[in-house]
N, C-alpha and C. Protein backbone atom coordinates (compact mmCIF):
# COMPACT_ATOMS: atom_id res chain seq x y z
N MET A 1 0.71 -1.28 -0.03
CA MET A 1 -0.17 0.12 -0.12
C MET A 1 0.86 1.30 -0.04
N THR A 2 1.87 1.50 0.85
CA THR A 2 2.84 2.44 0.83
C THR A 2 3.42 2.52 -0.43
N LYS A 3 4.11 1.58 -1.10
CA LYS A 3 4.50 1.63 -2.37
C LYS A 3 3.47 2.25 -3.46
N LEU A 4 2.32 2.06 -3.16
CA LEU A 4 1.36 2.66 -4.18
C LEU A 4 1.19 4.05 -4.23
N PHE A 5 1.21 4.33 -2.85
CA PHE A 5 1.14 5.68 -2.41
C PHE A 5 2.22 6.52 -2.98
N LEU A 6 3.27 5.68 -2.77
CA LEU A 6 4.59 6.61 -3.08
C LEU A 6 4.57 6.64 -4.42
N LEU A 7 4.13 5.76 -5.40
CA LEU A 7 4.29 5.86 -7.03
C LEU A 7 3.26 6.86 -7.57
N HIS A 8 2.18 6.94 -6.84
CA HIS A 8 1.16 8.14 -6.94
C HIS A 8 1.51 9.52 -6.52
N GLN A 9 2.37 9.71 -5.60
CA GLN A 9 2.83 10.81 -5.19
C GLN A 9 4.01 11.34 -6.06
N LYS A 10 4.87 10.34 -6.63
CA LYS A 10 5.85 10.79 -7.48
C LYS A 10 5.01 11.22 -9.04
N SER A 11 4.09 10.44 -9.54
CA SER A 11 3.58 10.87 -10.69
C SER A 11 2.44 12.32 -10.49
N CYS A 12 2.12 12.64 -9.53
CA CYS A 12 1.50 13.99 -9.20
C CYS A 12 2.71 15.00 -9.49
N ASN A 13 3.64 14.82 -8.82
CA ASN A 13 4.59 15.65 -8.96
C ASN A 13 5.07 16.17 -10.32
N LEU A 14 4.49 15.57 -10.98
CA LEU A 14 5.05 15.72 -12.66
C LEU A 14 4.28 16.74 -13.34
N ILE A 15 2.92 17.00 -12.79
CA ILE A 15 2.18 17.72 -13.29
C ILE A 15 2.70 19.20 -13.15
N ASN A 16 2.43 20.10 -14.29
CA ASN A 16 2.72 21.64 -14.32
C ASN A 16 2.14 22.22 -13.25
N ILE A 17 2.84 22.97 -12.17
CA ILE A 17 2.16 23.44 -11.36
C ILE A 17 1.87 25.01 -11.96
N ILE A 18 0.62 25.22 -11.47
CA ILE A 18 0.07 26.70 -12.08
C ILE A 18 0.40 27.71 -10.74
N MET A 19 0.76 28.61 -11.34
CA MET A 19 1.26 29.92 -10.05
C MET A 19 0.59 30.81 -10.33
N LYS A 20 0.00 31.35 -9.39
CA LYS A 20 -1.13 32.39 -9.64
C LYS A 20 -0.43 33.74 -9.01
N ILE A 21 0.79 33.69 -8.51
CA ILE A 21 1.71 34.85 -8.40
C ILE A 21 2.84 34.71 -9.62
N LYS A 22 2.84 36.12 -10.25
CA LYS A 22 3.88 36.15 -11.39
C LYS A 22 4.83 37.34 -11.07
N LYS A 23 6.14 37.21 -12.05
CA LYS A 23 6.67 38.14 -11.63
C LYS A 23 6.48 39.78 -11.77
N GLY A 24 6.70 40.67 -11.10
CA GLY A 24 6.26 42.04 -10.93
C GLY A 24 5.21 42.34 -10.09
N ASP A 25 4.40 41.16 -9.53
CA ASP A 25 3.39 41.44 -8.72
C ASP A 25 3.69 42.00 -7.06
N THR A 26 2.96 42.55 -6.67
CA THR A 26 3.27 43.23 -5.51
C THR A 26 2.63 42.20 -4.18
N ILE A 27 3.29 41.33 -3.44
CA ILE A 27 2.71 40.35 -2.31
C ILE A 27 3.28 41.07 -0.85
N LYS A 28 2.10 40.40 0.06
CA LYS A 28 2.40 40.63 1.48
C LYS A 28 2.76 39.31 1.89
N MET A 29 3.87 39.26 2.91
CA MET A 29 4.25 38.10 3.73
C MET A 29 3.32 37.81 4.96
N LEU A 30 2.92 36.75 4.96
CA LEU A 30 1.91 36.39 5.99
C LEU A 30 2.59 35.77 7.11
N TYR A 31 3.73 35.11 6.90
CA TYR A 31 4.39 34.30 8.21
C TYR A 31 6.16 34.66 8.10
N GLY A 32 6.31 34.21 9.23
CA GLY A 32 7.85 34.61 9.16
C GLY A 32 8.37 35.71 9.82
N LYS A 33 9.66 35.91 9.87
CA LYS A 33 10.26 37.29 10.42
C LYS A 33 9.78 38.48 10.01
N ASP A 34 9.47 38.46 8.30
CA ASP A 34 9.04 39.63 7.75
C ASP A 34 7.34 39.58 7.50
N ALA A 35 6.95 39.23 8.57
CA ALA A 35 5.25 39.03 8.31
C ALA A 35 4.68 40.53 8.51
N GLY A 36 3.78 40.52 7.53
CA GLY A 36 3.23 41.66 7.10
C GLY A 36 3.66 43.08 6.25
N ARG A 37 5.06 42.66 5.99
CA ARG A 37 5.83 43.51 4.98
C ARG A 37 5.51 43.16 3.67
N GLN A 38 5.60 44.28 2.88
CA GLN A 38 5.39 44.09 1.33
C GLN A 38 6.48 44.28 0.73
N GLY A 39 6.63 43.50 -0.85
CA GLY A 39 7.62 43.70 -1.51
C GLY A 39 7.26 43.17 -2.97
N THR A 40 8.24 43.20 -3.88
CA THR A 40 7.77 42.87 -5.35
C THR A 40 8.50 41.99 -5.75
N VAL A 41 7.45 40.73 -6.52
CA VAL A 41 8.38 39.44 -6.69
C VAL A 41 9.62 39.65 -8.03
N ILE A 42 10.60 39.12 -7.68
CA ILE A 42 11.90 39.26 -8.66
C ILE A 42 11.80 37.85 -9.71
N VAL A 43 11.75 36.99 -8.86
CA VAL A 43 12.01 35.86 -9.79
C VAL A 43 10.82 34.46 -9.18
N VAL A 44 10.36 33.99 -9.82
CA VAL A 44 9.40 32.91 -10.03
C VAL A 44 9.88 31.47 -10.05
N ASP A 45 10.15 30.46 -9.20
CA ASP A 45 10.18 28.81 -9.43
C ASP A 45 9.35 28.24 -9.19
N ALA A 46 8.48 27.99 -10.51
CA ALA A 46 7.01 26.98 -10.55
C ALA A 46 7.28 25.88 -10.10
N LYS A 47 8.63 25.17 -10.46
CA LYS A 47 8.94 23.60 -9.88
C LYS A 47 8.83 23.31 -8.24
N LYS A 48 9.72 24.10 -7.72
CA LYS A 48 9.84 24.48 -6.69
C LYS A 48 8.51 25.19 -5.64
N ALA A 49 7.63 25.65 -6.33
CA ALA A 49 6.74 26.52 -5.57
C ALA A 49 7.02 27.76 -4.93
N ARG A 50 8.33 28.41 -5.30
CA ARG A 50 8.87 29.38 -4.46
C ARG A 50 9.03 30.46 -5.17
N ILE A 51 9.13 31.61 -4.32
CA ILE A 51 9.47 32.91 -5.40
C ILE A 51 10.50 33.97 -4.45
N VAL A 52 11.28 34.53 -5.01
CA VAL A 52 12.04 35.59 -4.45
C VAL A 52 11.47 37.02 -4.52
N VAL A 53 11.67 37.61 -3.16
CA VAL A 53 10.87 38.86 -3.08
C VAL A 53 11.95 39.96 -2.82
N GLU A 54 11.90 41.16 -3.39
CA GLU A 54 12.82 42.24 -3.24
C GLU A 54 12.83 42.98 -1.82
N GLY A 55 14.03 42.71 -1.14
CA GLY A 55 13.77 43.38 0.17
C GLY A 55 13.27 42.34 1.33
N LEU A 56 12.86 41.16 0.99
CA LEU A 56 12.41 40.39 2.34
C LEU A 56 12.97 38.93 2.19
N ASN A 57 13.11 38.37 3.48
CA ASN A 57 13.57 37.17 3.82
C ASN A 57 15.11 37.31 3.47
N MET A 58 15.88 38.54 4.00
CA MET A 58 17.12 38.74 3.57
C MET A 58 17.91 38.23 4.68
N TYR A 59 19.12 37.36 4.38
CA TYR A 59 19.83 36.68 5.33
C TYR A 59 21.51 37.01 5.13
N LYS A 60 22.14 36.96 6.26
CA LYS A 60 23.69 37.33 6.00
C LYS A 60 24.49 35.78 5.65
N ARG A 61 25.64 35.89 4.88
CA ARG A 61 26.20 34.78 4.63
C ARG A 61 27.75 35.16 4.88
N HIS A 62 28.54 34.62 5.71
CA HIS A 62 29.71 34.86 6.18
C HIS A 62 30.82 34.04 5.15
N LEU A 63 31.50 34.73 4.22
CA LEU A 63 32.46 33.85 3.48
C LEU A 63 33.57 34.08 3.93
N LYS A 64 34.68 33.23 3.78
CA LYS A 64 35.94 33.03 4.25
C LYS A 64 36.80 33.34 2.97
N GLY A 65 37.72 34.11 3.29
CA GLY A 65 38.63 34.42 2.22
C GLY A 65 39.94 33.27 2.23
N ASP A 66 40.57 33.08 1.33
CA ASP A 66 41.47 32.19 1.02
C ASP A 66 42.80 32.94 1.53
N GLY A 67 42.97 33.75 1.55
CA GLY A 67 44.14 34.70 2.00
C GLY A 67 45.25 35.29 0.91
N LYS A 68 44.87 34.91 -0.27
CA LYS A 68 45.38 35.20 -1.42
C LYS A 68 44.91 36.19 -2.28
N THR A 69 43.74 35.75 -3.04
CA THR A 69 42.84 36.68 -3.95
C THR A 69 41.64 37.09 -3.02
N ARG A 70 40.50 36.20 -2.58
CA ARG A 70 39.31 36.38 -1.97
C ARG A 70 39.70 36.91 -0.81
N THR A 71 38.71 38.22 -0.46
CA THR A 71 38.85 38.64 0.90
C THR A 71 37.67 38.10 1.74
N SER A 72 37.80 37.75 3.23
CA SER A 72 36.44 37.34 3.82
C SER A 72 35.65 38.80 4.15
N GLU A 73 34.05 38.35 3.84
CA GLU A 73 33.51 39.45 3.73
C GLU A 73 31.98 38.89 4.27
N ILE A 74 30.80 39.76 4.66
CA ILE A 74 29.69 39.13 4.98
C ILE A 74 28.63 39.65 3.80
N VAL A 75 27.97 38.77 2.97
CA VAL A 75 27.11 39.11 2.11
C VAL A 75 25.63 38.78 2.38
N THR A 76 24.96 39.58 2.19
CA THR A 76 23.18 39.75 2.10
C THR A 76 22.65 39.13 1.05
N ILE A 77 22.16 37.97 1.52
CA ILE A 77 21.39 37.12 0.23
C ILE A 77 19.88 37.23 0.42
N THR A 78 19.04 37.01 -0.54
CA THR A 78 17.42 36.95 -0.59
C THR A 78 17.29 35.35 -0.81
N LYS A 79 16.81 34.93 0.17
CA LYS A 79 16.41 33.57 0.07
C LYS A 79 15.09 33.23 -0.72
N PRO A 80 14.57 32.24 -1.48
CA PRO A 80 13.51 32.05 -1.87
C PRO A 80 12.13 31.84 -0.41
N VAL A 81 11.01 32.11 -1.09
CA VAL A 81 9.91 32.07 -0.08
C VAL A 81 8.93 31.04 -0.59
N PRO A 82 8.11 30.22 0.24
CA PRO A 82 7.50 29.41 -0.29
C PRO A 82 6.01 30.20 -0.67
N VAL A 83 5.55 29.64 -1.76
CA VAL A 83 4.40 30.50 -2.31
C VAL A 83 2.99 30.74 -1.57
N SER A 84 2.89 29.59 -0.35
CA SER A 84 1.81 29.40 0.40
C SER A 84 1.91 30.42 1.54
N LYS A 85 3.11 30.86 1.45
CA LYS A 85 3.52 32.03 2.91
C LYS A 85 3.32 33.46 2.70
N VAL A 86 2.86 33.78 1.18
CA VAL A 86 2.66 35.07 0.70
C VAL A 86 1.34 35.41 0.13
N MET A 87 0.73 36.42 -0.02
CA MET A 87 -0.81 36.83 -0.74
C MET A 87 -0.32 37.67 -1.62
N LEU A 88 -1.18 37.97 -2.47
CA LEU A 88 -1.18 38.83 -3.73
C LEU A 88 -2.07 40.23 -3.34
N ILE A 89 -1.18 41.24 -3.54
CA ILE A 89 -1.78 42.59 -2.99
C ILE A 89 -2.46 43.31 -4.53
N CYS A 90 -3.77 43.10 -4.35
CA CYS A 90 -4.45 44.05 -5.73
C CYS A 90 -4.42 45.50 -5.87
N PRO A 91 -3.66 45.51 -7.54
CA PRO A 91 -3.18 46.73 -7.48
C PRO A 91 -4.33 47.84 -7.57
N GLN A 92 -5.64 47.28 -7.80
CA GLN A 92 -6.77 48.44 -7.89
C GLN A 92 -7.54 49.06 -6.33
N CYS A 93 -7.60 47.62 -5.52
CA CYS A 93 -8.27 48.06 -4.21
C CYS A 93 -6.99 48.15 -2.93
N ASN A 94 -5.82 47.68 -3.32
CA ASN A 94 -4.63 47.70 -2.47
C ASN A 94 -4.93 46.91 -1.25
N LYS A 95 -5.44 45.62 -1.35
CA LYS A 95 -5.64 44.74 -0.17
C LYS A 95 -5.28 43.26 -0.78
N ALA A 96 -4.90 42.71 0.24
CA ALA A 96 -4.28 41.19 0.11
C ALA A 96 -5.52 40.61 -0.29
N THR A 97 -5.31 39.65 -1.11
CA THR A 97 -6.67 39.09 -1.78
C THR A 97 -6.12 37.55 -2.51
N ARG A 98 -7.20 36.96 -2.52
CA ARG A 98 -7.08 35.77 -3.26
C ARG A 98 -6.98 35.72 -4.81
N VAL A 99 -6.49 34.77 -5.93
CA VAL A 99 -6.36 35.07 -7.15
C VAL A 99 -7.70 34.22 -7.65
N GLY A 100 -8.34 34.56 -8.61
CA GLY A 100 -9.36 33.94 -9.43
C GLY A 100 -8.93 34.24 -10.77
N TYR A 101 -9.56 33.17 -11.60
CA TYR A 101 -9.39 33.46 -12.95
C TYR A 101 -10.67 33.77 -13.75
N LYS A 102 -10.61 34.33 -14.93
CA LYS A 102 -12.05 34.60 -15.75
C LYS A 102 -11.44 34.76 -17.18
N ILE A 103 -12.11 33.99 -17.93
CA ILE A 103 -11.90 33.68 -19.18
C ILE A 103 -12.83 34.44 -20.00
N GLU A 104 -11.90 35.71 -20.87
CA GLU A 104 -12.84 36.57 -21.79
C GLU A 104 -12.54 36.63 -22.96
N ARG A 105 -13.01 36.40 -24.08
CA ARG A 105 -12.49 36.11 -25.83
C ARG A 105 -11.57 35.30 -25.86
N GLY A 106 -11.41 34.27 -25.12
CA GLY A 106 -10.12 33.07 -25.15
C GLY A 106 -9.19 33.60 -24.52
N VAL A 107 -9.20 34.50 -23.70
CA VAL A 107 -7.97 35.10 -23.01
C VAL A 107 -8.31 34.98 -21.43
N LYS A 108 -6.99 34.22 -20.68
CA LYS A 108 -7.32 33.93 -19.42
C LYS A 108 -6.67 34.87 -18.77
N ASN A 109 -7.45 35.58 -17.86
CA ASN A 109 -7.16 36.94 -17.14
C ASN A 109 -7.36 36.35 -15.46
N ARG A 110 -6.10 36.88 -14.65
CA ARG A 110 -6.39 36.76 -13.31
C ARG A 110 -7.14 38.00 -12.93
N ILE A 111 -8.19 37.59 -11.72
CA ILE A 111 -8.85 38.61 -11.30
C ILE A 111 -8.59 38.69 -9.49
N CYS A 112 -9.06 39.62 -9.10
CA CYS A 112 -9.03 39.86 -7.62
C CYS A 112 -10.55 39.47 -7.13
N LYS A 113 -10.51 38.80 -5.78
CA LYS A 113 -11.57 37.93 -5.57
C LYS A 113 -12.33 39.06 -4.72
N LYS A 114 -11.71 40.16 -4.17
CA LYS A 114 -12.41 40.91 -3.35
C LYS A 114 -13.22 42.26 -4.28
N CYS A 115 -12.42 42.55 -5.35
CA CYS A 115 -12.91 43.73 -6.08
C CYS A 115 -13.41 43.17 -7.33
N GLY A 116 -13.00 41.91 -7.86
CA GLY A 116 -13.22 41.59 -9.44
C GLY A 116 -12.58 42.25 -10.47
N GLU A 117 -11.56 43.07 -10.07
CA GLU A 117 -10.76 43.72 -11.32
C GLU A 117 -9.58 42.81 -11.83
N SER A 118 -9.06 42.91 -12.76
CA SER A 118 -7.87 42.31 -13.36
C SER A 118 -6.79 42.74 -12.40
N VAL A 119 -5.81 41.68 -12.28
CA VAL A 119 -4.50 42.10 -11.22
C VAL A 119 -3.41 41.78 -12.22
N GLU A 120 -3.44 41.89 -13.64
CA GLU A 120 -2.22 41.86 -14.20
C GLU A 120 -1.25 43.02 -13.71
N PRO A 121 0.11 42.60 -13.77
CA PRO A 121 0.83 43.62 -13.37
C PRO A 121 1.50 44.40 -14.37
N ILE A 122 1.82 45.51 -13.80
CA ILE A 122 2.24 46.62 -14.92
C ILE A 122 3.63 46.90 -14.76
N ILE A 123 4.27 46.18 -15.74
CA ILE A 123 5.61 46.09 -15.84
C ILE A 123 6.03 47.05 -16.92
N GLU A 124 6.83 48.15 -16.91
CA GLU A 124 7.50 48.97 -17.42
C GLU A 124 8.70 48.60 -17.89
N GLU A 125 8.76 48.20 -19.05
CA GLU A 125 10.22 47.73 -19.43
C GLU A 125 10.73 49.01 -20.42
N VAL A 126 11.83 49.20 -20.35
CA VAL A 126 12.50 50.21 -21.37
C VAL A 126 13.14 49.50 -22.69
N LYS A 127 12.33 49.37 -23.69
CA LYS A 127 13.19 48.49 -24.62
C LYS A 127 14.33 49.29 -24.99
N LYS A 128 15.29 48.63 -24.94
CA LYS A 128 16.56 48.85 -25.66
C LYS A 128 16.76 48.79 -27.12
N GLU A 129 17.05 50.05 -27.71
CA GLU A 129 16.95 49.98 -29.32
C GLU A 129 18.51 49.38 -29.55
N LYS A 130 18.25 48.72 -30.63
CA LYS A 130 19.42 48.20 -31.11
C LYS A 130 20.44 48.79 -31.87
N LYS A 131 21.46 49.75 -31.69
CA LYS A 131 22.21 50.38 -32.06
C LYS A 131 23.16 49.81 -33.46
N VAL A 132 22.63 50.40 -34.77
CA VAL A 132 23.45 49.62 -35.76
C VAL A 132 24.47 50.61 -36.14
N VAL A 133 25.78 49.98 -35.71
CA VAL A 133 26.94 50.40 -35.80
C VAL A 133 27.84 49.83 -36.95
N LYS A 134 28.33 50.18 -38.16
CA LYS A 134 28.93 49.68 -38.91
C LYS A 134 30.57 50.06 -38.70
N LYS A 135 31.17 49.17 -38.51
CA LYS A 135 32.44 49.16 -38.41
C LYS A 135 33.13 49.30 -39.54
N LYS A 136 34.00 50.25 -39.37
CA LYS A 136 35.09 50.46 -40.60
C LYS A 136 35.97 49.59 -40.87
N THR A 137 35.82 48.84 -41.57
CA THR A 137 36.88 47.61 -41.87
C THR A 137 38.32 48.33 -42.84
N SER A 138 39.11 48.58 -42.25
CA SER A 138 40.27 49.16 -43.04
C SER A 138 41.23 47.89 -43.31
N THR A 139 41.69 47.71 -44.24
CA THR A 139 42.86 46.60 -44.41
C THR A 139 43.93 47.12 -44.72
N THR A 140 44.80 46.90 -43.47
CA THR A 140 46.28 47.22 -43.52
C THR A 140 47.07 46.02 -43.71
N LYS A 141 47.94 46.12 -44.67
CA LYS A 141 48.71 44.90 -44.76
C LYS A 141 50.14 45.22 -43.74
N LYS A 142 50.45 44.04 -43.33
CA LYS A 142 51.58 44.25 -42.65
C LYS A 142 52.84 43.78 -43.56
N THR A 143 53.96 44.83 -43.51
CA THR A 143 54.78 44.58 -44.42
C THR A 143 55.96 44.11 -43.52
N THR A 144 56.49 43.06 -43.72
CA THR A 144 57.78 42.80 -42.78
C THR A 144 59.14 42.82 -43.76
N VAL A 145 59.87 43.68 -43.12
CA VAL A 145 61.35 44.01 -43.70
C VAL A 145 62.20 42.94 -43.31
N LYS A 146 62.56 42.44 -43.82
CA LYS A 146 63.58 41.12 -43.75
C LYS A 146 64.84 41.97 -43.95
N LYS A 147 65.52 41.82 -42.87
CA LYS A 147 66.96 42.17 -42.73
C LYS A 147 68.05 41.02 -43.35
N LYS A 148 68.73 41.82 -44.05
CA LYS A 148 69.96 40.88 -44.61
C LYS A 148 71.01 40.75 -43.61
N THR A 149 70.95 39.43 -43.13
CA THR A 149 72.45 39.23 -42.36
C THR A 149 73.96 38.72 -42.95
N THR A 150 74.36 39.48 -42.74
CA THR A 150 75.75 39.07 -43.43
C THR A 150 76.65 38.27 -42.36
N THR A 151 77.19 37.13 -42.92
CA THR A 151 77.99 36.65 -42.18
C THR A 151 79.60 36.72 -42.50
N LYS A 152 80.23 36.78 -41.66
CA LYS A 152 81.53 37.14 -42.32
C LYS A 152 82.42 35.62 -42.31
N LYS A 153 83.02 35.57 -43.20
CA LYS A 153 83.75 34.15 -43.44
C LYS A 153 85.18 34.24 -43.20
N SER A 154 85.79 33.75 -42.47
CA SER A 154 87.10 34.20 -42.00
C SER A 154 87.87 32.93 -42.67
N ASN A 155 88.47 33.42 -43.70
CA ASN A 155 89.28 32.64 -44.64
C ASN A 155 90.57 32.67 -43.99
N SER A 156 91.09 31.50 -43.18
CA SER A 156 92.14 31.65 -42.33
C SER A 156 92.78 30.60 -42.78
N LYS A 157 94.00 30.83 -43.60
CA LYS A 157 94.87 29.89 -43.97
C LYS A 157 95.99 29.49 -43.04
N LYS A 158 96.26 28.43 -42.53
CA LYS A 158 97.13 28.06 -41.90
C LYS A 158 98.89 28.18 -42.36
N THR A 159 99.41 28.72 -41.69
CA THR A 159 100.62 29.11 -42.21
C THR A 159 101.79 28.30 -41.58
N LYS A 160 102.43 27.61 -42.50
CA LYS A 160 103.52 26.60 -41.92
C LYS A 160 104.76 27.31 -41.65
N LYS A 161 105.25 27.02 -40.49
CA LYS A 161 106.72 27.53 -40.16
C LYS A 161 107.62 26.71 -40.50
């Protein structure tokens, strides 16, 4: 019976996890040392059901130097948070809410359960224009001057006395 349960559990983990929180959303921490604080989602890991939030769940890591090149230092790291520990904040009503889905014209939209409005994050990305720069190709030929080396041959005749 336990083997059957474990096989079923492994097969269930292969299903794609639908994340209701996306990159750019504003969330509220529900548990932990940062409970009640708000932040913006930077990274979403759907396979592990974790997110990284800007400015929340920060930890210090002590790195030891090797004495030659790397110096010892204390680095601040943001660790991922389980999705179950956070709640989405609706941009329209500014309240922590659950997320629902509504299909309109064949498009699946996320909606706020409290106010019923769309919850899509507003991500302002500056499009970097690709500059087309033509490089001047100048062909320069390397001319190598061969130096003539003269070797002096000493014709020394042995004189007999």
